[in-house]
Amino acid sequence: MTHEINSSDTASRGPGTKCGLSRRKFLLTSGTATATVMVSMNHAGADSHMPATVATYPRKKIATLSSLQTDVPVEFDYPDEGEYSSSVLVKLGTEAGGGLGPDKDVVAFNHFCTHQGGDLSGSYKGETKSLGACPLHLSTYDLTRHGILISGQAYQSLPQVLLELDGDDIYAVGIFGLIFGRHDNLQG
């Protein structure tokens, strides 16, 4: 004896029985729902103001290009003298995202882990061109790829200090990313 199941029977079936919704219908329905949500979010975002992810500050001279040595970090405070402002400038010896100089290998980053603010000062590793591991949860960041997370608990890249070269002088001019403990990269 065969028994055909229609969609009205699906609620009364027990575990281990097939769903009354075909794979094609499920994908079509979920795709339509996703598109509707995305269009709604995009329309709502058009009327609201989103803060920029790049904060700019007055130029601050932090080093000279000629004084830098490969894999020897230079520490400095930026964007201000406040908490979580410690940063590191390093000539990596290999081209890096956002790199400065003739070899595009000079970069700078904030010293604090984006997960819970662990202090990364003194943790630069020249052999891997990385910063970390964070003393709190072992997050490690790749300085050749805009400070992207290599491993650990963090879910954001390290804030990169934007640099400008004027002759031999290196200036910090802004921050790309959010400094831990701040909601808008302003002293607060």
N, C-alpha and C. Protein backbone atom coordinates (compact mmCIF):
# COMPACT_ATOMS: atom_id res chain seq x y z
N MET A 1 0.84 -1.17 0.00
CA MET A 1 0.00 0.00 0.00
C MET A 1 0.89 1.24 0.00
N THR A 2 0.63 2.16 -0.89
CA THR A 2 1.40 3.39 -0.96
C THR A 2 0.58 4.52 -0.40
N HIS A 3 1.29 5.45 0.20
CA HIS A 3 0.63 6.61 0.79
C HIS A 3 1.32 7.87 0.28
N GLU A 4 0.58 8.73 -0.37
CA GLU A 4 1.16 9.97 -0.86
C GLU A 4 1.05 11.03 0.22
N ILE A 5 2.13 11.76 0.38
CA ILE A 5 2.15 12.83 1.38
C ILE A 5 2.00 14.15 0.66
N ASN A 6 1.06 14.93 1.09
CA ASN A 6 0.96 16.28 0.53
C ASN A 6 1.39 17.28 1.59
N SER A 7 1.43 18.55 1.23
CA SER A 7 1.96 19.56 2.14
C SER A 7 1.15 19.69 3.42
N SER A 8 -0.11 19.31 3.44
CA SER A 8 -0.89 19.41 4.67
C SER A 8 -0.51 18.31 5.66
N ASP A 9 0.12 17.24 5.17
CA ASP A 9 0.54 16.15 6.05
C ASP A 9 1.87 16.42 6.74
N THR A 10 2.65 17.38 6.26
CA THR A 10 4.03 17.55 6.74
C THR A 10 4.10 17.91 8.22
N ALA A 11 3.14 18.60 8.75
CA ALA A 11 3.19 19.00 10.15
C ALA A 11 2.96 17.81 11.07
N SER A 12 2.26 16.77 10.60
CA SER A 12 1.94 15.64 11.47
C SER A 12 2.97 14.52 11.40
N ARG A 13 3.96 14.63 10.51
CA ARG A 13 4.95 13.56 10.39
C ARG A 13 5.96 13.63 11.52
N GLY A 14 6.52 12.53 11.85
CA GLY A 14 7.51 12.46 12.92
C GLY A 14 8.91 12.70 12.41
N PRO A 15 9.90 12.60 13.30
CA PRO A 15 11.30 12.80 12.92
C PRO A 15 11.76 11.71 11.96
N GLY A 16 12.66 12.07 11.09
CA GLY A 16 13.22 11.12 10.15
C GLY A 16 12.48 11.04 8.83
N THR A 17 11.41 11.78 8.68
CA THR A 17 10.67 11.78 7.42
C THR A 17 11.10 12.96 6.59
N LYS A 18 10.86 12.87 5.29
CA LYS A 18 11.29 13.92 4.38
C LYS A 18 10.46 15.18 4.53
N CYS A 19 11.08 16.28 4.27
CA CYS A 19 10.41 17.59 4.29
C CYS A 19 9.55 17.73 3.04
N GLY A 20 8.43 18.40 3.16
CA GLY A 20 7.54 18.59 2.03
C GLY A 20 7.99 19.71 1.10
N LEU A 21 9.07 20.41 1.43
CA LEU A 21 9.56 21.53 0.63
C LEU A 21 10.73 21.06 -0.22
N SER A 22 10.61 21.24 -1.52
CA SER A 22 11.70 20.80 -2.40
C SER A 22 12.92 21.70 -2.24
N ARG A 23 14.07 21.18 -2.59
CA ARG A 23 15.31 21.95 -2.50
C ARG A 23 15.22 23.21 -3.36
N ARG A 24 14.66 23.08 -4.56
CA ARG A 24 14.53 24.21 -5.47
C ARG A 24 13.65 25.30 -4.86
N LYS A 25 12.52 24.87 -4.28
CA LYS A 25 11.60 25.84 -3.68
C LYS A 25 12.23 26.52 -2.46
N PHE A 26 12.97 25.74 -1.66
CA PHE A 26 13.65 26.29 -0.50
C PHE A 26 14.67 27.36 -0.92
N LEU A 27 15.51 27.04 -1.92
CA LEU A 27 16.52 27.99 -2.38
C LEU A 27 15.89 29.24 -2.98
N LEU A 28 14.82 29.07 -3.74
CA LEU A 28 14.13 30.22 -4.32
C LEU A 28 13.53 31.10 -3.24
N THR A 29 12.89 30.49 -2.24
CA THR A 29 12.27 31.24 -1.16
C THR A 29 13.31 31.96 -0.31
N SER A 30 14.39 31.26 0.06
CA SER A 30 15.42 31.90 0.89
C SER A 30 16.16 32.99 0.11
N GLY A 31 16.38 32.78 -1.18
CA GLY A 31 17.02 33.82 -2.00
C GLY A 31 16.16 35.06 -2.12
N THR A 32 14.86 34.86 -2.29
CA THR A 32 13.94 36.00 -2.37
C THR A 32 13.92 36.76 -1.04
N ALA A 33 13.89 36.03 0.08
CA ALA A 33 13.88 36.67 1.40
C ALA A 33 15.17 37.46 1.63
N THR A 34 16.31 36.89 1.26
CA THR A 34 17.59 37.58 1.42
C THR A 34 17.63 38.85 0.58
N ALA A 35 17.20 38.77 -0.66
CA ALA A 35 17.19 39.95 -1.53
C ALA A 35 16.29 41.03 -0.97
N THR A 36 15.14 40.65 -0.43
CA THR A 36 14.21 41.62 0.15
C THR A 36 14.84 42.33 1.34
N VAL A 37 15.49 41.58 2.20
CA VAL A 37 16.15 42.17 3.37
C VAL A 37 17.27 43.11 2.94
N MET A 38 18.10 42.69 1.97
CA MET A 38 19.22 43.52 1.52
C MET A 38 18.73 44.82 0.90
N VAL A 39 17.67 44.76 0.10
CA VAL A 39 17.13 45.98 -0.51
C VAL A 39 16.58 46.90 0.57
N SER A 40 15.91 46.32 1.56
CA SER A 40 15.37 47.13 2.67
C SER A 40 16.48 47.80 3.45
N MET A 41 17.57 47.06 3.72
CA MET A 41 18.69 47.63 4.48
C MET A 41 19.37 48.73 3.67
N ASN A 42 19.55 48.52 2.38
CA ASN A 42 20.19 49.50 1.53
C ASN A 42 19.37 50.78 1.47
N HIS A 43 18.05 50.64 1.37
CA HIS A 43 17.18 51.82 1.32
C HIS A 43 17.22 52.58 2.63
N ALA A 44 17.20 51.86 3.76
CA ALA A 44 17.25 52.52 5.07
C ALA A 44 18.59 53.23 5.25
N GLY A 45 19.68 52.60 4.74
CA GLY A 45 21.01 53.20 4.88
C GLY A 45 21.19 54.46 4.06
N ALA A 46 20.40 54.63 3.00
CA ALA A 46 20.54 55.80 2.15
C ALA A 46 20.15 57.07 2.88
N ASP A 47 19.24 56.95 3.85
CA ASP A 47 18.77 58.13 4.58
C ASP A 47 19.57 58.38 5.85
N SER A 48 20.37 57.43 6.28
CA SER A 48 21.11 57.60 7.53
C SER A 48 22.57 57.93 7.24
N HIS A 49 23.26 58.51 8.22
CA HIS A 49 24.66 58.89 8.07
C HIS A 49 25.54 57.84 8.71
N MET A 50 26.50 57.30 7.95
CA MET A 50 27.44 56.31 8.47
C MET A 50 28.78 57.01 8.70
N PRO A 51 29.40 56.83 9.89
CA PRO A 51 30.69 57.47 10.13
C PRO A 51 31.78 56.86 9.25
N ALA A 52 32.75 57.66 8.89
CA ALA A 52 33.87 57.20 8.06
C ALA A 52 34.76 56.26 8.86
N THR A 53 35.43 55.34 8.18
CA THR A 53 36.33 54.43 8.85
C THR A 53 37.76 54.96 8.89
N VAL A 54 38.01 56.08 8.23
CA VAL A 54 39.33 56.69 8.25
C VAL A 54 39.24 58.00 9.00
N ALA A 55 40.01 58.12 10.07
CA ALA A 55 40.04 59.36 10.84
C ALA A 55 41.35 60.08 10.51
N THR A 56 41.26 61.35 10.20
CA THR A 56 42.47 62.12 9.89
C THR A 56 42.80 63.06 11.04
N TYR A 57 44.06 63.35 11.18
CA TYR A 57 44.57 64.20 12.25
C TYR A 57 45.63 65.09 11.65
N PRO A 58 46.08 66.11 12.39
CA PRO A 58 47.20 66.92 11.89
C PRO A 58 48.43 66.02 11.67
N ARG A 59 49.22 66.37 10.69
CA ARG A 59 50.45 65.61 10.42
C ARG A 59 51.37 65.65 11.63
N LYS A 60 51.98 64.50 11.90
CA LYS A 60 52.94 64.42 12.99
C LYS A 60 54.17 63.69 12.47
N LYS A 61 55.33 64.34 12.53
CA LYS A 61 56.57 63.70 12.09
C LYS A 61 56.93 62.61 13.09
N ILE A 62 57.20 61.41 12.56
CA ILE A 62 57.52 60.31 13.46
C ILE A 62 58.90 59.69 13.23
N ALA A 63 59.49 59.91 12.06
CA ALA A 63 60.81 59.34 11.77
C ALA A 63 61.32 59.88 10.45
N THR A 64 62.55 59.50 10.11
CA THR A 64 63.09 59.77 8.77
C THR A 64 63.31 58.43 8.09
N LEU A 65 63.06 58.40 6.80
CA LEU A 65 63.20 57.17 6.03
C LEU A 65 64.64 56.65 6.08
N SER A 66 65.60 57.54 6.00
CA SER A 66 67.01 57.14 5.97
C SER A 66 67.48 56.53 7.30
N SER A 67 66.78 56.80 8.39
CA SER A 67 67.20 56.26 9.69
C SER A 67 66.62 54.88 9.98
N LEU A 68 65.69 54.41 9.18
CA LEU A 68 65.04 53.13 9.45
C LEU A 68 65.92 51.96 9.02
N GLN A 69 65.89 50.90 9.84
CA GLN A 69 66.59 49.66 9.52
C GLN A 69 65.54 48.55 9.40
N THR A 70 65.75 47.65 8.49
CA THR A 70 64.80 46.56 8.28
C THR A 70 64.59 45.76 9.57
N ASP A 71 63.32 45.55 9.90
CA ASP A 71 62.88 44.76 11.06
C ASP A 71 63.28 45.35 12.41
N VAL A 72 63.56 46.65 12.45
CA VAL A 72 63.82 47.33 13.72
C VAL A 72 62.68 48.32 13.96
N PRO A 73 61.72 47.96 14.83
CA PRO A 73 60.54 48.82 15.06
C PRO A 73 60.89 50.13 15.74
N VAL A 74 60.11 51.18 15.40
CA VAL A 74 60.22 52.49 16.04
C VAL A 74 58.87 52.77 16.69
N GLU A 75 58.87 53.01 17.99
CA GLU A 75 57.63 53.24 18.70
C GLU A 75 57.34 54.74 18.78
N PHE A 76 56.05 55.08 18.72
CA PHE A 76 55.61 56.48 18.81
C PHE A 76 54.16 56.51 19.25
N ASP A 77 53.72 57.67 19.73
CA ASP A 77 52.32 57.86 20.11
C ASP A 77 51.58 58.56 18.99
N TYR A 78 50.43 58.00 18.62
CA TYR A 78 49.60 58.61 17.59
C TYR A 78 48.22 57.97 17.69
N PRO A 79 47.19 58.70 17.63
CA PRO A 79 47.01 60.07 17.13
C PRO A 79 47.14 61.16 18.19
N ASP A 80 47.24 60.75 19.46
CA ASP A 80 47.33 61.72 20.55
C ASP A 80 48.17 61.10 21.65
N GLU A 81 48.13 61.67 22.83
CA GLU A 81 48.89 61.12 23.96
C GLU A 81 48.00 60.28 24.87
N GLY A 82 46.75 60.01 24.43
CA GLY A 82 45.79 59.30 25.26
C GLY A 82 46.02 57.81 25.35
N GLU A 83 45.14 57.16 26.12
CA GLU A 83 45.18 55.72 26.28
C GLU A 83 45.02 55.03 24.92
N TYR A 84 45.72 53.95 24.72
CA TYR A 84 45.68 53.15 23.49
C TYR A 84 46.22 53.90 22.26
N SER A 85 47.11 54.87 22.46
CA SER A 85 47.67 55.63 21.35
C SER A 85 49.05 55.16 20.92
N SER A 86 49.63 54.22 21.63
CA SER A 86 50.95 53.72 21.29
C SER A 86 50.91 53.00 19.94
N SER A 87 51.89 53.30 19.09
CA SER A 87 51.95 52.72 17.75
C SER A 87 53.37 52.30 17.42
N VAL A 88 53.51 51.56 16.32
CA VAL A 88 54.81 51.09 15.89
C VAL A 88 54.98 51.35 14.40
N LEU A 89 56.15 51.83 14.02
CA LEU A 89 56.56 52.04 12.63
C LEU A 89 57.65 51.01 12.36
N VAL A 90 57.56 50.34 11.20
CA VAL A 90 58.59 49.34 10.90
C VAL A 90 58.83 49.26 9.40
N LYS A 91 60.10 49.12 9.05
CA LYS A 91 60.51 48.86 7.67
C LYS A 91 60.59 47.34 7.56
N LEU A 92 59.67 46.75 6.79
CA LEU A 92 59.54 45.30 6.75
C LEU A 92 60.56 44.61 5.85
N GLY A 93 61.06 45.32 4.85
CA GLY A 93 61.98 44.68 3.91
C GLY A 93 61.26 43.92 2.80
N THR A 94 59.93 43.99 2.80
CA THR A 94 59.11 43.38 1.76
C THR A 94 57.89 44.26 1.55
N GLU A 95 57.41 44.34 0.33
CA GLU A 95 56.28 45.22 0.02
C GLU A 95 55.07 44.87 0.88
N ALA A 96 54.38 45.92 1.34
CA ALA A 96 53.24 45.73 2.23
C ALA A 96 52.07 46.62 1.81
N GLY A 97 50.87 46.19 2.15
CA GLY A 97 49.68 47.00 1.89
C GLY A 97 49.77 48.33 2.61
N GLY A 98 49.64 49.41 1.87
CA GLY A 98 49.76 50.74 2.46
C GLY A 98 51.19 51.15 2.74
N GLY A 99 52.15 50.38 2.21
CA GLY A 99 53.56 50.65 2.45
C GLY A 99 54.06 51.92 1.81
N LEU A 100 55.03 52.53 2.43
CA LEU A 100 55.60 53.81 2.02
C LEU A 100 57.06 53.62 1.63
N GLY A 101 57.60 54.53 0.85
CA GLY A 101 59.01 54.48 0.48
C GLY A 101 59.21 53.81 -0.87
N PRO A 102 60.45 53.81 -1.35
CA PRO A 102 60.74 53.26 -2.67
C PRO A 102 60.38 51.77 -2.80
N ASP A 103 60.46 51.03 -1.70
CA ASP A 103 60.14 49.60 -1.72
C ASP A 103 58.72 49.31 -1.20
N LYS A 104 57.99 50.36 -0.86
CA LYS A 104 56.62 50.23 -0.31
C LYS A 104 56.59 49.25 0.85
N ASP A 105 57.60 49.37 1.74
CA ASP A 105 57.73 48.41 2.84
C ASP A 105 57.70 49.05 4.23
N VAL A 106 57.42 50.34 4.32
CA VAL A 106 57.36 51.01 5.61
C VAL A 106 55.90 51.20 6.01
N VAL A 107 55.52 50.60 7.14
CA VAL A 107 54.14 50.65 7.62
C VAL A 107 54.11 50.99 9.10
N ALA A 108 52.93 51.38 9.57
CA ALA A 108 52.75 51.68 10.99
C ALA A 108 51.38 51.22 11.44
N PHE A 109 51.32 50.74 12.68
CA PHE A 109 50.08 50.22 13.25
C PHE A 109 49.94 50.60 14.71
N ASN A 110 48.70 50.68 15.16
CA ASN A 110 48.41 50.86 16.57
C ASN A 110 48.84 49.59 17.30
N HIS A 111 49.28 49.74 18.56
CA HIS A 111 49.84 48.62 19.32
C HIS A 111 48.83 47.78 20.10
N PHE A 112 47.55 48.03 19.99
CA PHE A 112 46.61 47.35 20.87
C PHE A 112 45.67 46.42 20.11
N CYS A 113 45.59 45.21 20.60
CA CYS A 113 44.75 44.17 20.00
C CYS A 113 43.31 44.64 19.91
N THR A 114 42.67 44.37 18.79
CA THR A 114 41.30 44.81 18.58
C THR A 114 40.29 43.97 19.35
N HIS A 115 40.71 42.86 19.93
CA HIS A 115 39.79 41.99 20.65
C HIS A 115 39.47 42.54 22.04
N GLN A 116 40.49 42.67 22.90
CA GLN A 116 40.26 43.19 24.24
C GLN A 116 41.35 44.17 24.67
N GLY A 117 42.06 44.73 23.72
CA GLY A 117 43.03 45.78 24.03
C GLY A 117 44.34 45.32 24.60
N GLY A 118 44.71 44.07 24.39
CA GLY A 118 46.00 43.59 24.87
C GLY A 118 47.14 44.38 24.22
N ASP A 119 48.16 44.69 25.02
CA ASP A 119 49.30 45.48 24.54
C ASP A 119 50.23 44.60 23.71
N LEU A 120 50.42 44.98 22.44
CA LEU A 120 51.27 44.22 21.52
C LEU A 120 52.68 44.81 21.40
N SER A 121 53.00 45.83 22.19
CA SER A 121 54.34 46.44 22.06
C SER A 121 55.40 45.40 22.38
N GLY A 122 56.48 45.43 21.60
CA GLY A 122 57.57 44.49 21.78
C GLY A 122 57.32 43.11 21.18
N SER A 123 56.22 42.93 20.45
CA SER A 123 55.89 41.59 19.94
C SER A 123 56.12 41.45 18.43
N TYR A 124 56.80 42.44 17.80
CA TYR A 124 57.05 42.34 16.36
C TYR A 124 58.01 41.19 16.07
N LYS A 125 57.67 40.39 15.05
CA LYS A 125 58.51 39.27 14.64
C LYS A 125 58.91 39.47 13.18
N GLY A 126 60.19 39.75 12.96
CA GLY A 126 60.71 40.03 11.63
C GLY A 126 60.62 38.86 10.68
N GLU A 127 60.77 37.64 11.17
CA GLU A 127 60.74 36.48 10.28
C GLU A 127 59.35 36.24 9.68
N THR A 128 58.29 36.65 10.36
CA THR A 128 56.93 36.47 9.84
C THR A 128 56.25 37.80 9.50
N LYS A 129 56.94 38.91 9.76
CA LYS A 129 56.38 40.26 9.51
C LYS A 129 55.03 40.41 10.20
N SER A 130 54.99 40.00 11.46
CA SER A 130 53.74 40.00 12.21
C SER A 130 53.89 40.69 13.55
N LEU A 131 52.75 41.04 14.11
CA LEU A 131 52.68 41.63 15.45
C LEU A 131 51.82 40.71 16.29
N GLY A 132 52.32 40.33 17.45
CA GLY A 132 51.60 39.42 18.33
C GLY A 132 52.51 38.26 18.65
N ALA A 133 52.08 37.40 19.46
CA ALA A 133 50.73 37.12 19.87
C ALA A 133 50.32 37.99 21.06
N CYS A 134 49.04 38.37 21.04
CA CYS A 134 48.48 39.17 22.12
C CYS A 134 48.60 38.38 23.43
N PRO A 135 48.99 39.04 24.53
CA PRO A 135 49.14 38.33 25.80
C PRO A 135 47.81 37.85 26.38
N LEU A 136 46.70 38.35 25.90
CA LEU A 136 45.40 37.94 26.45
C LEU A 136 44.85 36.68 25.79
N HIS A 137 44.76 36.67 24.45
CA HIS A 137 44.15 35.54 23.76
C HIS A 137 44.89 35.13 22.50
N LEU A 138 46.15 35.53 22.37
CA LEU A 138 47.06 35.07 21.33
C LEU A 138 46.75 35.52 19.91
N SER A 139 46.01 36.62 19.73
CA SER A 139 45.77 37.13 18.38
C SER A 139 47.08 37.62 17.79
N THR A 140 47.27 37.32 16.50
CA THR A 140 48.48 37.70 15.78
C THR A 140 48.06 38.34 14.45
N TYR A 141 48.79 39.37 14.04
CA TYR A 141 48.40 40.18 12.88
C TYR A 141 49.51 40.23 11.83
N ASP A 142 49.13 40.16 10.55
CA ASP A 142 50.06 40.22 9.42
C ASP A 142 50.24 41.67 8.99
N LEU A 143 51.44 42.21 9.17
CA LEU A 143 51.68 43.62 8.84
C LEU A 143 51.87 43.85 7.35
N THR A 144 52.08 42.81 6.56
CA THR A 144 52.21 42.99 5.12
C THR A 144 50.85 43.13 4.44
N ARG A 145 49.79 42.74 5.15
CA ARG A 145 48.44 42.73 4.57
C ARG A 145 47.49 43.62 5.38
N HIS A 146 47.89 44.85 5.61
CA HIS A 146 47.06 45.84 6.32
C HIS A 146 46.69 45.41 7.73
N GLY A 147 47.53 44.63 8.40
CA GLY A 147 47.27 44.24 9.78
C GLY A 147 46.16 43.23 9.95
N ILE A 148 45.90 42.43 8.92
CA ILE A 148 44.82 41.44 8.99
C ILE A 148 45.16 40.36 10.03
N LEU A 149 44.13 39.84 10.66
CA LEU A 149 44.30 38.80 11.67
C LEU A 149 44.82 37.51 11.04
N ILE A 150 45.87 36.94 11.65
CA ILE A 150 46.40 35.65 11.23
C ILE A 150 45.74 34.55 12.05
N SER A 151 45.70 34.75 13.37
CA SER A 151 45.09 33.76 14.26
C SER A 151 44.70 34.43 15.56
N GLY A 152 43.80 33.79 16.30
CA GLY A 152 43.40 34.30 17.60
C GLY A 152 41.94 34.71 17.65
N GLN A 153 41.57 35.37 18.73
CA GLN A 153 40.18 35.71 19.02
C GLN A 153 39.67 36.98 18.34
N ALA A 154 40.56 37.86 17.93
CA ALA A 154 40.13 39.13 17.33
C ALA A 154 39.35 38.90 16.06
N TYR A 155 38.52 39.86 15.70
CA TYR A 155 37.73 39.76 14.47
C TYR A 155 37.92 40.99 13.58
N GLN A 156 38.81 41.87 13.95
CA GLN A 156 39.12 43.05 13.13
C GLN A 156 40.63 43.15 12.94
N SER A 157 41.01 43.79 11.83
CA SER A 157 42.43 44.06 11.59
C SER A 157 42.93 45.12 12.56
N LEU A 158 44.25 45.17 12.74
CA LEU A 158 44.83 46.24 13.56
C LEU A 158 44.62 47.58 12.87
N PRO A 159 44.35 48.64 13.62
CA PRO A 159 44.25 49.96 12.99
C PRO A 159 45.61 50.34 12.38
N GLN A 160 45.60 50.69 11.10
CA GLN A 160 46.82 51.07 10.40
C GLN A 160 46.97 52.58 10.43
N VAL A 161 48.16 53.04 10.80
CA VAL A 161 48.46 54.46 10.79
C VAL A 161 48.81 54.84 9.34
N LEU A 162 48.10 55.82 8.81
CA LEU A 162 48.36 56.26 7.44
C LEU A 162 49.58 57.16 7.43
N LEU A 163 50.47 56.91 6.50
CA LEU A 163 51.75 57.61 6.45
C LEU A 163 51.87 58.46 5.19
N GLU A 164 52.73 59.47 5.31
CA GLU A 164 53.01 60.35 4.19
C GLU A 164 54.50 60.64 4.21
N LEU A 165 55.11 60.63 3.03
CA LEU A 165 56.55 60.90 2.91
C LEU A 165 56.75 62.28 2.32
N ASP A 166 57.53 63.12 3.01
CA ASP A 166 57.85 64.46 2.54
C ASP A 166 59.37 64.59 2.55
N GLY A 167 59.99 64.37 1.39
CA GLY A 167 61.46 64.31 1.34
C GLY A 167 61.89 63.03 2.05
N ASP A 168 62.65 63.18 3.13
CA ASP A 168 63.09 62.04 3.92
C ASP A 168 62.23 61.86 5.18
N ASP A 169 61.36 62.82 5.44
CA ASP A 169 60.56 62.80 6.66
C ASP A 169 59.28 61.97 6.50
N ILE A 170 59.00 61.12 7.51
CA ILE A 170 57.79 60.31 7.53
C ILE A 170 56.81 60.93 8.52
N TYR A 171 55.61 61.19 8.04
CA TYR A 171 54.55 61.78 8.87
C TYR A 171 53.39 60.81 9.01
N ALA A 172 52.82 60.78 10.21
CA ALA A 172 51.56 60.09 10.44
C ALA A 172 50.47 61.11 10.11
N VAL A 173 49.45 60.69 9.34
CA VAL A 173 48.40 61.64 8.92
C VAL A 173 46.98 61.15 9.19
N GLY A 174 46.82 59.93 9.65
CA GLY A 174 45.47 59.42 9.92
C GLY A 174 45.51 57.99 10.40
N ILE A 175 44.32 57.48 10.70
CA ILE A 175 44.17 56.10 11.17
C ILE A 175 43.13 55.41 10.30
N PHE A 176 43.46 54.23 9.81
CA PHE A 176 42.49 53.41 9.08
C PHE A 176 42.08 52.28 9.99
N GLY A 177 40.85 52.34 10.51
CA GLY A 177 40.36 51.35 11.46
C GLY A 177 40.11 52.00 12.80
N LEU A 178 39.46 51.27 13.67
CA LEU A 178 39.07 51.81 14.97
C LEU A 178 40.03 51.36 16.06
N ILE A 179 40.57 52.32 16.81
CA ILE A 179 41.46 52.03 17.93
C ILE A 179 40.63 51.41 19.05
N PHE A 180 41.17 50.37 19.67
CA PHE A 180 40.46 49.70 20.76
C PHE A 180 40.09 50.71 21.85
N GLY A 181 38.90 50.56 22.39
CA GLY A 181 38.45 51.39 23.50
C GLY A 181 37.84 52.71 23.10
N ARG A 182 37.78 53.00 21.81
CA ARG A 182 37.21 54.25 21.33
C ARG A 182 36.06 53.95 20.38
N HIS A 183 35.10 54.82 20.33
CA HIS A 183 33.99 54.60 19.40
C HIS A 183 34.12 55.43 18.14
N ASP A 184 35.06 56.38 18.11
CA ASP A 184 35.24 57.18 16.90
C ASP A 184 36.65 57.69 16.71
N ASN A 185 37.62 57.09 17.39
CA ASN A 185 39.04 57.46 17.30
C ASN A 185 39.34 58.86 17.80
N LEU A 186 38.45 59.45 18.55
CA LEU A 186 38.74 60.73 19.18
C LEU A 186 39.06 60.50 20.64
N GLN A 187 39.89 61.36 21.22
CA GLN A 187 40.23 61.23 22.62
C GLN A 187 38.95 61.27 23.43
N GLY A 188 38.77 60.31 24.26
CA GLY A 188 37.54 60.29 25.03
C GLY A 188 37.65 59.41 26.15
